[in-house]
Protein backbone atom coordinates (compact mmCIF):
# COMPACT_ATOMS: atom_id res chain seq x y z
CA MET A 1 -13.01 13.83 -6.05
CA ARG A 2 -9.92 14.71 -3.52
CA LYS A 3 -9.18 11.15 -3.26
CA ILE A 4 -9.31 9.98 -6.34
CA VAL A 5 -6.94 13.00 -7.23
CA LEU A 6 -4.52 12.56 -5.07
CA SER A 7 -4.94 8.45 -6.01
CA LEU A 8 -3.47 9.60 -9.09
CA ALA A 9 -1.28 11.45 -8.35
CA ILE A 10 0.57 8.85 -6.13
CA ILE A 11 0.39 6.78 -9.45
CA ILE A 12 1.95 8.68 -11.53
CA SER A 13 4.39 9.45 -9.12
CA VAL A 14 5.11 5.63 -7.99
CA SER A 15 5.16 5.40 -11.96
CA SER A 16 7.75 7.20 -12.90
CA CYS A 17 10.04 6.68 -10.48
CA ASP A 18 13.41 4.81 -11.49
CA SER A 19 13.02 2.09 -8.57
CA VAL A 20 9.44 0.88 -9.96
CA LYS A 21 10.22 -1.17 -13.33
CA ASN A 22 7.91 -3.81 -14.19
CA VAL A 23 5.00 -2.46 -12.03
CA ASN A 24 1.52 -3.79 -12.94
CA THR A 25 -0.27 0.09 -13.25
CA SER A 26 -3.21 -2.27 -12.62
CA ASN A 27 -2.27 -3.35 -9.61
CA LEU A 28 -1.21 -0.03 -8.43
CA SER A 29 -4.44 1.74 -9.49
CA ASP A 30 -6.57 -0.87 -7.69
CA ALA A 31 -4.39 -0.19 -4.84
CA ALA A 32 -4.73 3.37 -4.75
CA THR A 33 -8.07 2.76 -4.98
CA LEU A 34 -8.53 0.44 -2.78
CA LEU A 35 -6.61 2.30 0.28
CA SER A 36 -8.23 5.44 -0.68
CA SER A 37 -11.93 3.83 0.52
CA LEU A 38 -10.24 2.01 3.57
CA SER A 39 -12.02 3.23 6.72
CA SER A 40 -12.26 2.44 10.74
CA ASN A 41 -15.09 -0.73 9.07
CA SER A 42 -12.40 -2.32 6.68
CA THR A 43 -11.72 -5.87 7.12
CA VAL A 44 -8.41 -7.98 7.04
CA GLN A 45 -9.54 -9.38 3.68
CA GLN A 46 -9.64 -5.78 2.10
CA ILE A 47 -5.80 -5.22 3.85
CA THR A 48 -4.99 -8.98 2.49
CA THR A 49 -6.06 -7.99 -1.34
CA LEU A 50 -4.12 -5.02 -0.61
CA PHE A 51 -1.26 -6.83 0.25
CA GLY A 52 -1.12 -8.80 -2.66
CA LEU A 53 -2.00 -5.60 -4.97
CA LEU A 54 1.01 -3.73 -3.65
CA ASP A 55 3.46 -7.14 -2.99
CA ALA A 56 4.66 -5.92 -6.88
CA ASN A 57 7.76 -8.66 -6.76
CA ASN A 58 5.50 -11.03 -5.51
CA ASP A 59 8.16 -12.00 -2.29
CA GLU A 60 5.76 -12.01 0.70
CA ALA A 61 6.49 -8.24 1.68
CA ILE A 62 6.42 -5.17 0.76
CA SER A 63 8.97 -2.90 0.53
CA THR A 64 9.33 1.12 1.14
CA SER A 65 9.76 1.25 -2.99
CA GLU A 66 5.82 -0.56 -2.81
CA ALA A 67 4.19 1.26 -0.24
CA ILE A 68 1.65 3.82 -1.55
CA GLY A 69 -0.45 6.71 0.78
CA SER A 70 -0.80 5.80 3.90
CA VAL A 71 1.19 2.69 3.65
CA SER A 72 4.22 5.16 3.03
CA GLU A 73 3.37 7.43 5.26
CA ASN A 74 3.71 4.58 8.05
CA PHE A 75 5.58 2.72 7.20
CA ASN A 76 7.44 2.91 10.55
CA VAL A 77 4.72 2.36 12.41
CA LEU A 78 3.67 -0.74 10.45
CA ASP A 79 7.14 -2.38 10.18
CA THR A 80 7.12 -3.95 14.26
CA ASP A 81 9.86 -6.41 13.31
CA ASN A 82 12.53 -2.76 11.91
CA SER A 83 12.92 -5.50 8.71
CA SER A 84 12.64 -2.63 6.53
CA SER A 85 9.48 -4.06 5.43
CA LEU A 86 5.91 -4.97 6.17
CA ASN A 87 4.30 -8.59 5.85
CA LEU A 88 0.86 -9.24 5.72
CA THR A 89 0.67 -9.83 9.36
CA GLU A 90 1.90 -5.91 9.97
CA LEU A 91 0.00 -4.30 6.95
CA THR A 92 -2.87 -5.09 9.16
CA GLY A 93 -2.20 -3.43 11.49
CA LEU A 94 -2.96 -0.93 9.81
CA LEU A 95 -6.78 -1.31 10.60
CA GLY A 96 -5.30 0.10 14.33
CA LEU A 97 -4.62 3.12 12.76
CA LEU A 98 -8.37 4.15 10.82
CA LYS A 99 -10.03 3.80 13.86
């Protein structure tokens, strides 16, 4: 229940930000749900799905404004090339943080 409430809070706060326009809230909701269900047993396929859901502008990168939850919290750790965005390989590093 706590994860659901946290996911909803993230969705509401992100949806109300001026910097996030034309975001598919269904994708954001799905991303928050998937993110809250990730564990040390998660797969690269789940991360790939998460990447697609978070990449709102389809530029093949997750920016700080697109990141939510633990992706946002660990953005600087995941951004290994210091490009201020995450590619799929960098986002896959989230699996290592779950262990």
